[in-house]
């Protein structure tokens, strides 16, 4: 399993994420985007999400985990993390994943 720190933008805001991929030469399957829970639940779910992303990558999937705007290592203010903004972040993550 390989993982790579990545960045992409959503509405001019730089978002941070991790891309988990199967080893070179492995049977590659489709991709998926992991969206972390809202607020403090992100911290509680972090280890489980990393473990799941790695397990899926070991099984041939490409997995993108990312921080919404105003969360984790992404730019922006938490107060700007509206539902509409988070939906835009997910769409931007999907576009980024398709480009890989």
PDB file of N, CA and C in Angstrom:
ATOM      1  N   UNK A   1       0.843  -1.173   0.000  1.00  0.00           N
ATOM      2  CA  UNK A   1       0.000   0.000   0.000  1.00  0.00           C
ATOM      3  C   UNK A   1       0.889   1.238   0.000  1.00  0.00           C
ATOM      4  N   UNK A   2       0.543   2.179  -0.849  1.00  0.00           N
ATOM      5  CA  UNK A   2       1.269   3.448  -0.917  1.00  0.00           C
ATOM      6  C   UNK A   2       0.339   4.558  -0.443  1.00  0.00           C
ATOM      7  N   UNK A   3       0.901   5.562   0.215  1.00  0.00           N
ATOM      8  CA  UNK A   3       0.087   6.727   0.563  1.00  0.00           C
ATOM      9  C   UNK A   3       0.865   7.988   0.252  1.00  0.00           C
ATOM     10  N   UNK A   4       0.118   9.009  -0.122  1.00  0.00           N
ATOM     11  CA  UNK A   4       0.712  10.262  -0.580  1.00  0.00           C
ATOM     12  C   UNK A   4      -0.097  11.429  -0.028  1.00  0.00           C
ATOM     13  N   UNK A   5       0.596  12.423   0.531  1.00  0.00           N
ATOM     14  CA  UNK A   5      -0.083  13.645   0.958  1.00  0.00           C
ATOM     15  C   UNK A   5      -0.461  14.417  -0.292  1.00  0.00           C
ATOM     16  N   UNK A   6      -1.680  14.922  -0.314  1.00  0.00           N
ATOM     17  CA  UNK A   6      -2.138  15.664  -1.490  1.00  0.00           C
ATOM     18  C   UNK A   6      -2.822  16.949  -1.044  1.00  0.00           C
ATOM     19  N   UNK A   7      -2.954  17.862  -1.995  1.00  0.00           N
ATOM     20  CA  UNK A   7      -3.693  19.105  -1.799  1.00  0.00           C
ATOM     21  C   UNK A   7      -4.521  19.354  -3.043  1.00  0.00           C
ATOM     22  N   UNK A   8      -5.699  19.921  -2.863  1.00  0.00           N
ATOM     23  CA  UNK A   8      -6.535  20.353  -3.973  1.00  0.00           C
ATOM     24  C   UNK A   8      -7.348  21.535  -3.469  1.00  0.00           C
ATOM     25  N   UNK A   9      -8.030  22.224  -4.363  1.00  0.00           N
ATOM     26  CA  UNK A   9      -8.785  23.403  -3.944  1.00  0.00           C
ATOM     27  C   UNK A   9     -10.277  23.192  -4.145  1.00  0.00           C
ATOM     28  N   UNK A  10     -11.026  23.877  -3.314  1.00  0.00           N
ATOM     29  CA  UNK A  10     -12.485  23.895  -3.399  1.00  0.00           C
ATOM     30  C   UNK A  10     -12.929  25.327  -3.144  1.00  0.00           C
ATOM     31  N   UNK A  11     -13.459  25.969  -4.166  1.00  0.00           N
ATOM     32  CA  UNK A  11     -13.898  27.350  -4.004  1.00  0.00           C
ATOM     33  C   UNK A  11     -12.780  28.276  -3.574  1.00  0.00           C
ATOM     34  N   UNK A  12     -11.571  28.024  -4.056  1.00  0.00           N
ATOM     35  CA  UNK A  12     -10.421  28.853  -3.720  1.00  0.00           C
ATOM     36  C   UNK A  12      -9.776  28.533  -2.384  1.00  0.00           C
ATOM     37  N   UNK A  13     -10.279  27.518  -1.679  1.00  0.00           N
ATOM     38  CA  UNK A  13      -9.731  27.119  -0.379  1.00  0.00           C
ATOM     39  C   UNK A  13      -8.889  25.862  -0.578  1.00  0.00           C
ATOM     40  N   UNK A  14      -7.667  25.881  -0.054  1.00  0.00           N
ATOM     41  CA  UNK A  14      -6.762  24.737  -0.189  1.00  0.00           C
ATOM     42  C   UNK A  14      -7.134  23.675   0.839  1.00  0.00           C
ATOM     43  N   UNK A  15      -7.402  22.461   0.337  1.00  0.00           N
ATOM     44  CA  UNK A  15      -7.761  21.340   1.201  1.00  0.00           C
ATOM     45  C   UNK A  15      -6.628  20.325   1.222  1.00  0.00           C
ATOM     46  N   UNK A  16      -6.443  19.690   2.363  1.00  0.00           N
ATOM     47  CA  UNK A  16      -5.383  18.712   2.573  1.00  0.00           C
ATOM     48  C   UNK A  16      -5.989  17.318   2.636  1.00  0.00           C
ATOM     49  N   UNK A  17      -5.253  16.350   2.118  1.00  0.00           N
ATOM     50  CA  UNK A  17      -5.737  14.975   2.194  1.00  0.00           C
ATOM     51  C   UNK A  17      -4.621  13.961   2.052  1.00  0.00           C
ATOM     52  N   UNK A  18      -5.010  12.702   2.137  1.00  0.00           N
ATOM     53  CA  UNK A  18      -4.100  11.567   1.941  1.00  0.00           C
ATOM     54  C   UNK A  18      -4.716  10.657   0.893  1.00  0.00           C
ATOM     55  N   UNK A  19      -3.885  10.239  -0.053  1.00  0.00           N
ATOM     56  CA  UNK A  19      -4.314   9.316  -1.089  1.00  0.00           C
ATOM     57  C   UNK A  19      -3.674   7.971  -0.797  1.00  0.00           C
ATOM     58  N   UNK A  20      -4.493   6.954  -0.629  1.00  0.00           N
ATOM     59  CA  UNK A  20      -4.027   5.591  -0.355  1.00  0.00           C
ATOM     60  C   UNK A  20      -4.238   4.780  -1.627  1.00  0.00           C
ATOM     61  N   UNK A  21      -3.171   4.088  -2.079  1.00  0.00           N
ATOM     62  CA  UNK A  21      -3.254   3.307  -3.317  1.00  0.00           C
ATOM     63  C   UNK A  21      -2.678   1.924  -3.116  1.00  0.00           C
ATOM     64  N   UNK A  22      -3.131   1.014  -3.963  1.00  0.00           N
ATOM     65  CA  UNK A  22      -2.556  -0.331  -3.973  1.00  0.00           C
ATOM     66  C   UNK A  22      -1.114  -0.247  -4.475  1.00  0.00           C
ATOM     67  N   UNK A  23      -0.333  -1.237  -4.145  1.00  0.00           N
ATOM     68  CA  UNK A  23       1.045  -1.302  -4.637  1.00  0.00           C
ATOM     69  C   UNK A  23       1.043  -1.357  -6.162  1.00  0.00           C
ATOM     70  N   UNK A  24       2.125  -0.879  -6.762  1.00  0.00           N
ATOM     71  CA  UNK A  24       2.276  -0.969  -8.208  1.00  0.00           C
ATOM     72  C   UNK A  24       2.194  -2.428  -8.629  1.00  0.00           C
ATOM     73  N   UNK A  25       1.510  -2.671  -9.719  1.00  0.00           N
ATOM     74  CA  UNK A  25       1.378  -4.025 -10.225  1.00  0.00           C
ATOM     75  C   UNK A  25       0.214  -4.794  -9.641  1.00  0.00           C
ATOM     76  N   UNK A  26      -0.413  -4.258  -8.603  1.00  0.00           N
ATOM     77  CA  UNK A  26      -1.564  -4.939  -7.990  1.00  0.00           C
ATOM     78  C   UNK A  26      -2.797  -4.738  -8.864  1.00  0.00           C
ATOM     79  N   UNK A  27      -3.785  -5.564  -8.677  1.00  0.00           N
ATOM     80  CA  UNK A  27      -5.055  -5.432  -9.378  1.00  0.00           C
ATOM     81  C   UNK A  27      -5.774  -4.201  -8.832  1.00  0.00           C
ATOM     82  N   UNK A  28      -5.932  -3.172  -9.675  1.00  0.00           N
ATOM     83  CA  UNK A  28      -6.533  -1.915  -9.224  1.00  0.00           C
ATOM     84  C   UNK A  28      -8.032  -1.917  -9.468  1.00  0.00           C
ATOM     85  N   UNK A  29      -8.765  -1.507  -8.453  1.00  0.00           N
ATOM     86  CA  UNK A  29     -10.219  -1.414  -8.529  1.00  0.00           C
ATOM     87  C   UNK A  29     -10.600   0.059  -8.572  1.00  0.00           C
ATOM     88  N   UNK A  30     -11.852   0.372  -8.406  1.00  0.00           N
ATOM     89  CA  UNK A  30     -12.302   1.758  -8.447  1.00  0.00           C
ATOM     90  C   UNK A  30     -11.845   2.528  -7.211  1.00  0.00           C
ATOM     91  N   UNK A  31     -12.198   3.800  -7.162  1.00  0.00           N
ATOM     92  CA  UNK A  31     -11.782   4.646  -6.052  1.00  0.00           C
ATOM     93  C   UNK A  31     -12.947   5.046  -5.170  1.00  0.00           C
ATOM     94  N   UNK A  32     -12.601   5.590  -4.006  1.00  0.00           N
ATOM     95  CA  UNK A  32     -13.620   6.075  -3.072  1.00  0.00           C
ATOM     96  C   UNK A  32     -13.070   7.261  -2.290  1.00  0.00           C
ATOM     97  N   UNK A  33     -13.981   8.117  -1.868  1.00  0.00           N
ATOM     98  CA  UNK A  33     -13.633   9.273  -1.049  1.00  0.00           C
ATOM     99  C   UNK A  33     -14.191   9.036   0.349  1.00  0.00           C
ATOM    100  N   UNK A  34     -13.330   9.156   1.361  1.00  0.00           N
ATOM    101  CA  UNK A  34     -13.758   9.060   2.757  1.00  0.00           C
ATOM    102  C   UNK A  34     -13.989  10.473   3.282  1.00  0.00           C
ATOM    103  N   UNK A  35     -15.179  10.722   3.798  1.00  0.00           N
ATOM    104  CA  UNK A  35     -15.539  12.017   4.372  1.00  0.00           C
ATOM    105  C   UNK A  35     -15.611  11.861   5.885  1.00  0.00           C
ATOM    106  N   UNK A  36     -14.808  12.620   6.598  1.00  0.00           N
ATOM    107  CA  UNK A  36     -14.778  12.464   8.053  1.00  0.00           C
ATOM    108  C   UNK A  36     -16.048  13.008   8.699  1.00  0.00           C
ATOM    109  N   UNK A  37     -16.364  12.515   9.901  1.00  0.00           N
ATOM    110  CA  UNK A  37     -17.540  13.014  10.623  1.00  0.00           C
ATOM    111  C   UNK A  37     -17.379  14.493  10.977  1.00  0.00           C
ATOM    112  N   UNK A  38     -18.461  15.113  11.357  1.00  0.00           N
ATOM    113  CA  UNK A  38     -18.476  16.537  11.657  1.00  0.00           C
ATOM    114  C   UNK A  38     -17.897  16.829  13.039  1.00  0.00           C
ATOM    115  N   UNK A  39     -17.188  17.935  13.137  1.00  0.00           N
ATOM    116  CA  UNK A  39     -16.712  18.457  14.417  1.00  0.00           C
ATOM    117  C   UNK A  39     -15.756  17.541  15.153  1.00  0.00           C
ATOM    118  N   UNK A  40     -15.959  17.441  16.441  1.00  0.00           N
ATOM    119  CA  UNK A  40     -15.066  16.665  17.304  1.00  0.00           C
ATOM    120  C   UNK A  40     -15.069  15.179  16.983  1.00  0.00           C
ATOM    121  N   UNK A  41     -16.119  14.687  16.337  1.00  0.00           N
ATOM    122  CA  UNK A  41     -16.175  13.267  15.986  1.00  0.00           C
ATOM    123  C   UNK A  41     -15.065  12.893  15.007  1.00  0.00           C
ATOM    124  N   UNK A  42     -14.526  13.881  14.292  1.00  0.00           N
ATOM    125  CA  UNK A  42     -13.417  13.622  13.370  1.00  0.00           C
ATOM    126  C   UNK A  42     -12.252  12.998  14.126  1.00  0.00           C
ATOM    127  N   UNK A  43     -11.943  13.552  15.295  1.00  0.00           N
ATOM    128  CA  UNK A  43     -10.825  13.034  16.092  1.00  0.00           C
ATOM    129  C   UNK A  43     -11.082  11.601  16.539  1.00  0.00           C
ATOM    130  N   UNK A  44     -12.305  11.320  16.961  1.00  0.00           N
ATOM    131  CA  UNK A  44     -12.640   9.981  17.446  1.00  0.00           C
ATOM    132  C   UNK A  44     -12.552   8.937  16.346  1.00  0.00           C
ATOM    133  N   UNK A  45     -12.875   9.325  15.121  1.00  0.00           N
ATOM    134  CA  UNK A  45     -12.926   8.377  14.010  1.00  0.00           C
ATOM    135  C   UNK A  45     -11.617   8.282  13.233  1.00  0.00           C
ATOM    136  N   UNK A  46     -10.639   9.129  13.543  1.00  0.00           N
ATOM    137  CA  UNK A  46      -9.431   9.236  12.722  1.00  0.00           C
ATOM    138  C   UNK A  46      -8.734   7.892  12.519  1.00  0.00           C
ATOM    139  N   UNK A  47      -8.406   7.205  13.598  1.00  0.00           N
ATOM    140  CA  UNK A  47      -7.658   5.946  13.471  1.00  0.00           C
ATOM    141  C   UNK A  47      -8.432   4.899  12.689  1.00  0.00           C
ATOM    142  N   UNK A  48      -9.724   4.812  12.938  1.00  0.00           N
ATOM    143  CA  UNK A  48     -10.546   3.831  12.220  1.00  0.00           C
ATOM    144  C   UNK A  48     -10.597   4.148  10.730  1.00  0.00           C
ATOM    145  N   UNK A  49     -10.676   5.436  10.385  1.00  0.00           N
ATOM    146  CA  UNK A  49     -10.719   5.814   8.975  1.00  0.00           C
ATOM    147  C   UNK A  49      -9.391   5.523   8.285  1.00  0.00           C
ATOM    148  N   UNK A  50      -8.282   5.775   8.967  1.00  0.00           N
ATOM    149  CA  UNK A  50      -6.968   5.462   8.395  1.00  0.00           C
ATOM    150  C   UNK A  50      -6.844   3.959   8.181  1.00  0.00           C
ATOM    151  N   UNK A  51      -7.214   3.184   9.179  1.00  0.00           N
ATOM    152  CA  UNK A  51      -7.121   1.723   9.066  1.00  0.00           C
ATOM    153  C   UNK A  51      -7.994   1.204   7.926  1.00  0.00           C
ATOM    154  N   UNK A  52      -9.203   1.735   7.800  1.00  0.00           N
ATOM    155  CA  UNK A  52     -10.099   1.302   6.724  1.00  0.00           C
ATOM    156  C   UNK A  52      -9.541   1.687   5.356  1.00  0.00           C
ATOM    157  N   UNK A  53      -9.017   2.912   5.233  1.00  0.00           N
ATOM    158  CA  UNK A  53      -8.443   3.351   3.957  1.00  0.00           C
ATOM    159  C   UNK A  53      -7.277   2.456   3.560  1.00  0.00           C
ATOM    160  N   UNK A  54      -6.430   2.123   4.510  1.00  0.00           N
ATOM    161  CA  UNK A  54      -5.293   1.245   4.217  1.00  0.00           C
ATOM    162  C   UNK A  54      -5.758  -0.154   3.823  1.00  0.00           C
ATOM    163  N   UNK A  55      -6.768  -0.660   4.499  1.00  0.00           N
ATOM    164  CA  UNK A  55      -7.286  -1.997   4.175  1.00  0.00           C
ATOM    165  C   UNK A  55      -7.882  -2.020   2.767  1.00  0.00           C
ATOM    166  N   UNK A  56      -8.648  -0.989   2.412  1.00  0.00           N
ATOM    167  CA  UNK A  56      -9.198  -0.924   1.062  1.00  0.00           C
ATOM    168  C   UNK A  56      -8.085  -0.814   0.024  1.00  0.00           C
ATOM    169  N   UNK A  57      -7.052  -0.012   0.305  1.00  0.00           N
ATOM    170  CA  UNK A  57      -5.924   0.110  -0.627  1.00  0.00           C
ATOM    171  C   UNK A  57      -5.212  -1.225  -0.784  1.00  0.00           C
ATOM    172  N   UNK A  58      -5.044  -1.951   0.306  1.00  0.00           N
ATOM    173  CA  UNK A  58      -4.429  -3.281   0.221  1.00  0.00           C
ATOM    174  C   UNK A  58      -5.255  -4.223  -0.650  1.00  0.00           C
ATOM    175  N   UNK A  59      -6.558  -3.953  -0.741  1.00  0.00           N
ATOM    176  CA  UNK A  59      -7.445  -4.780  -1.559  1.00  0.00           C
ATOM    177  C   UNK A  59      -7.583  -4.248  -2.986  1.00  0.00           C
ATOM    178  N   UNK A  60      -6.807  -3.209  -3.342  1.00  0.00           N
ATOM    179  CA  UNK A  60      -6.787  -2.723  -4.718  1.00  0.00           C
ATOM    180  C   UNK A  60      -7.541  -1.444  -4.989  1.00  0.00           C
ATOM    181  N   UNK A  61      -8.196  -0.875  -3.987  1.00  0.00           N
ATOM    182  CA  UNK A  61      -8.934   0.370  -4.181  1.00  0.00           C
ATOM    183  C   UNK A  61      -8.012   1.573  -3.975  1.00  0.00           C
ATOM    184  N   UNK A  62      -8.353   2.685  -4.631  1.00  0.00           N
ATOM    185  CA  UNK A  62      -7.714   3.964  -4.352  1.00  0.00           C
ATOM    186  C   UNK A  62      -8.658   4.730  -3.435  1.00  0.00           C
ATOM    187  N   UNK A  63      -8.135   5.219  -2.318  1.00  0.00           N
ATOM    188  CA  UNK A  63      -8.970   5.900  -1.320  1.00  0.00           C
ATOM    189  C   UNK A  63      -8.402   7.287  -1.055  1.00  0.00           C
ATOM    190  N   UNK A  64      -9.259   8.289  -1.126  1.00  0.00           N
ATOM    191  CA  UNK A  64      -8.887   9.662  -0.784  1.00  0.00           C
ATOM    192  C   UNK A  64      -9.573  10.031   0.521  1.00  0.00           C
ATOM    193  N   UNK A  65      -8.769  10.334   1.550  1.00  0.00           N
ATOM    194  CA  UNK A  65      -9.267  10.909   2.806  1.00  0.00           C
ATOM    195  C   UNK A  65      -8.888  12.379   2.771  1.00  0.00           C
ATOM    196  N   UNK A  66      -9.774  13.252   3.192  1.00  0.00           N
ATOM    197  CA  UNK A  66      -9.434  14.675   3.184  1.00  0.00           C
ATOM    198  C   UNK A  66     -10.088  15.380   4.357  1.00  0.00           C
ATOM    199  N   UNK A  67      -9.565  16.559   4.667  1.00  0.00           N
ATOM    200  CA  UNK A  67     -10.133  17.420   5.705  1.00  0.00           C
ATOM    201  C   UNK A  67     -10.989  18.489   5.032  1.00  0.00           C
ATOM    202  N   UNK A  68     -12.238  18.618   5.484  1.00  0.00           N
ATOM    203  CA  UNK A  68     -13.085  19.701   4.994  1.00  0.00           C
ATOM    204  C   UNK A  68     -12.431  21.047   5.301  1.00  0.00           C
ATOM    205  N   UNK A  69     -12.854  22.065   4.601  1.00  0.00           N
ATOM    206  CA  UNK A  69     -12.377  23.428   4.882  1.00  0.00           C
ATOM    207  C   UNK A  69     -12.634  23.760   6.353  1.00  0.00           C
ATOM    208  N   UNK A  70     -11.662  24.415   6.971  1.00  0.00           N
ATOM    209  CA  UNK A  70     -11.793  24.793   8.375  1.00  0.00           C
ATOM    210  C   UNK A  70     -11.579  23.653   9.353  1.00  0.00           C
ATOM    211  N   UNK A  71     -11.175  22.484   8.855  1.00  0.00           N
ATOM    212  CA  UNK A  71     -10.946  21.317   9.716  1.00  0.00           C
ATOM    213  C   UNK A  71      -9.545  20.763   9.470  1.00  0.00           C
ATOM    214  N   UNK A  72      -8.979  20.159  10.494  1.00  0.00           N
ATOM    215  CA  UNK A  72      -7.682  19.495  10.337  1.00  0.00           C
ATOM    216  C   UNK A  72      -6.627  20.405   9.739  1.00  0.00           C
ATOM    217  N   UNK A  73      -5.963  19.917   8.693  1.00  0.00           N
ATOM    218  CA  UNK A  73      -4.878  20.671   8.062  1.00  0.00           C
ATOM    219  C   UNK A  73      -5.333  21.526   6.888  1.00  0.00           C
ATOM    220  N   UNK A  74      -6.609  21.511   6.563  1.00  0.00           N
ATOM    221  CA  UNK A  74      -7.110  22.316   5.451  1.00  0.00           C
ATOM    222  C   UNK A  74      -7.244  23.775   5.858  1.00  0.00           C
ATOM    223  N   UNK A  75      -7.183  24.646   4.855  1.00  0.00           N
ATOM    224  CA  UNK A  75      -7.352  26.070   5.103  1.00  0.00           C
ATOM    225  C   UNK A  75      -8.819  26.382   5.380  1.00  0.00           C
ATOM    226  N   UNK A  76      -9.056  27.613   5.786  1.00  0.00           N
ATOM    227  CA  UNK A  76     -10.416  28.076   6.016  1.00  0.00           C
ATOM    228  C   UNK A  76     -10.753  28.125   7.492  1.00  0.00           C
ATOM    229  N   UNK A  77     -11.899  28.695   7.762  1.00  0.00           N
ATOM    230  CA  UNK A  77     -12.387  28.840   9.129  1.00  0.00           C
ATOM    231  C   UNK A  77     -13.520  27.848   9.367  1.00  0.00           C
ATOM    232  N   UNK A  78     -13.556  27.273  10.555  1.00  0.00           N
ATOM    233  CA  UNK A  78     -14.593  26.297  10.880  1.00  0.00           C
ATOM    234  C   UNK A  78     -15.986  26.901  10.721  1.00  0.00           C
ATOM    235  N   UNK A  79     -16.132  28.176  11.032  1.00  0.00           N
ATOM    236  CA  UNK A  79     -17.449  28.820  10.933  1.00  0.00           C
ATOM    237  C   UNK A  79     -17.955  28.862   9.487  1.00  0.00           C
ATOM    238  N   UNK A  80     -17.040  28.696   8.511  1.00  0.00           N
ATOM    239  CA  UNK A  80     -17.425  28.696   7.100  1.00  0.00           C
ATOM    240  C   UNK A  80     -17.745  27.296   6.578  1.00  0.00           C
ATOM    241  N   UNK A  81     -17.683  26.295   7.447  1.00  0.00           N
ATOM    242  CA  UNK A  81     -17.916  24.904   7.038  1.00  0.00           C
ATOM    243  C   UNK A  81     -19.413  24.599   7.035  1.00  0.00           C
ATOM    244  N   UNK A  82     -20.131  25.275   6.154  1.00  0.00           N
ATOM    245  CA  UNK A  82     -21.569  25.037   6.021  1.00  0.00           C
ATOM    246  C   UNK A  82     -21.805  23.739   5.251  1.00  0.00           C
ATOM    247  N   UNK A  83     -23.031  23.268   5.263  1.00  0.00           N
ATOM    248  CA  UNK A  83     -23.352  22.063   4.509  1.00  0.00           C
ATOM    249  C   UNK A  83     -23.059  22.264   3.022  1.00  0.00           C
ATOM    250  N   UNK A  84     -23.422  23.429   2.486  1.00  0.00           N
ATOM    251  CA  UNK A  84     -23.162  23.707   1.069  1.00  0.00           C
ATOM    252  C   UNK A  84     -21.661  23.708   0.777  1.00  0.00           C
ATOM    253  N   UNK A  85     -20.869  24.293   1.677  1.00  0.00           N
ATOM    254  CA  UNK A  85     -19.414  24.325   1.489  1.00  0.00           C
ATOM    255  C   UNK A  85     -18.832  22.918   1.566  1.00  0.00           C
ATOM    256  N   UNK A  86     -19.327  22.114   2.494  1.00  0.00           N
ATOM    257  CA  UNK A  86     -18.822  20.743   2.607  1.00  0.00           C
ATOM    258  C   UNK A  86     -19.205  19.911   1.390  1.00  0.00           C
ATOM    259  N   UNK A  87     -20.384  20.131   0.845  1.00  0.00           N
ATOM    260  CA  UNK A  87     -20.774  19.427  -0.374  1.00  0.00           C
ATOM    261  C   UNK A  87     -19.857  19.824  -1.527  1.00  0.00           C
ATOM    262  N   UNK A  88     -19.497  21.109  -1.594  1.00  0.00           N
ATOM    263  CA  UNK A  88     -18.557  21.560  -2.623  1.00  0.00           C
ATOM    264  C   UNK A  88     -17.192  20.907  -2.420  1.00  0.00           C
ATOM    265  N   UNK A  89     -16.773  20.752  -1.165  1.00  0.00           N
ATOM    266  CA  UNK A  89     -15.492  20.096  -0.875  1.00  0.00           C
ATOM    267  C   UNK A  89     -15.506  18.642  -1.338  1.00  0.00           C
ATOM    268  N   UNK A  90     -16.615  17.949  -1.118  1.00  0.00           N
ATOM    269  CA  UNK A  90     -16.730  16.550  -1.558  1.00  0.00           C
ATOM    270  C   UNK A  90     -16.673  16.474  -3.080  1.00  0.00           C
ATOM    271  N   UNK A  91     -17.375  17.379  -3.767  1.00  0.00           N
ATOM    272  CA  UNK A  91     -17.322  17.388  -5.235  1.00  0.00           C
ATOM    273  C   UNK A  91     -15.900  17.634  -5.721  1.00  0.00           C
ATOM    274  N   UNK A  92     -15.187  18.562  -5.079  1.00  0.00           N
ATOM    275  CA  UNK A  92     -13.800  18.837  -5.466  1.00  0.00           C
ATOM    276  C   UNK A  92     -12.916  17.618  -5.215  1.00  0.00           C
ATOM    277  N   UNK A  93     -13.169  16.897  -4.135  1.00  0.00           N
ATOM    278  CA  UNK A  93     -12.407  15.675  -3.845  1.00  0.00           C
ATOM    279  C   UNK A  93     -12.653  14.622  -4.920  1.00  0.00           C
ATOM    280  N   UNK A  94     -13.894  14.485  -5.359  1.00  0.00           N
ATOM    281  CA  UNK A  94     -14.212  13.524  -6.421  1.00  0.00           C
ATOM    282  C   UNK A  94     -13.519  13.889  -7.727  1.00  0.00           C
ATOM    283  N   UNK A  95     -13.524  15.176  -8.066  1.00  0.00           N
ATOM    284  CA  UNK A  95     -12.832  15.631  -9.279  1.00  0.00           C
ATOM    285  C   UNK A  95     -11.344  15.323  -9.172  1.00  0.00           C
ATOM    286  N   UNK A  96     -10.754  15.607  -8.017  1.00  0.00           N
ATOM    287  CA  UNK A  96      -9.328  15.321  -7.820  1.00  0.00           C
ATOM    288  C   UNK A  96      -9.059  13.827  -7.970  1.00  0.00           C
ATOM    289  N   UNK A  97      -9.876  13.005  -7.333  1.00  0.00           N
ATOM    290  CA  UNK A  97      -9.665  11.555  -7.393  1.00  0.00           C
ATOM    291  C   UNK A  97      -9.774  11.046  -8.827  1.00  0.00           C
ATOM    292  N   UNK A  98     -10.732  11.540  -9.574  1.00  0.00           N
ATOM    293  CA  UNK A  98     -10.878  11.120 -10.979  1.00  0.00           C
ATOM    294  C   UNK A  98      -9.656  11.500 -11.804  1.00  0.00           C
ATOM    295  N   UNK A  99      -8.998  12.598 -11.440  1.00  0.00           N
ATOM    296  CA  UNK A  99      -7.813  13.046 -12.195  1.00  0.00           C
ATOM    297  C   UNK A  99      -6.597  12.171 -11.930  1.00  0.00           C
ATOM    298  N   UNK A 100      -6.655  11.328 -10.909  1.00  0.00           N
ATOM    299  CA  UNK A 100      -5.536  10.462 -10.546  1.00  0.00           C
ATOM    300  C   UNK A 100      -5.732   9.090 -11.110  1.00  0.00           C
TER     301      UNK A 100
END
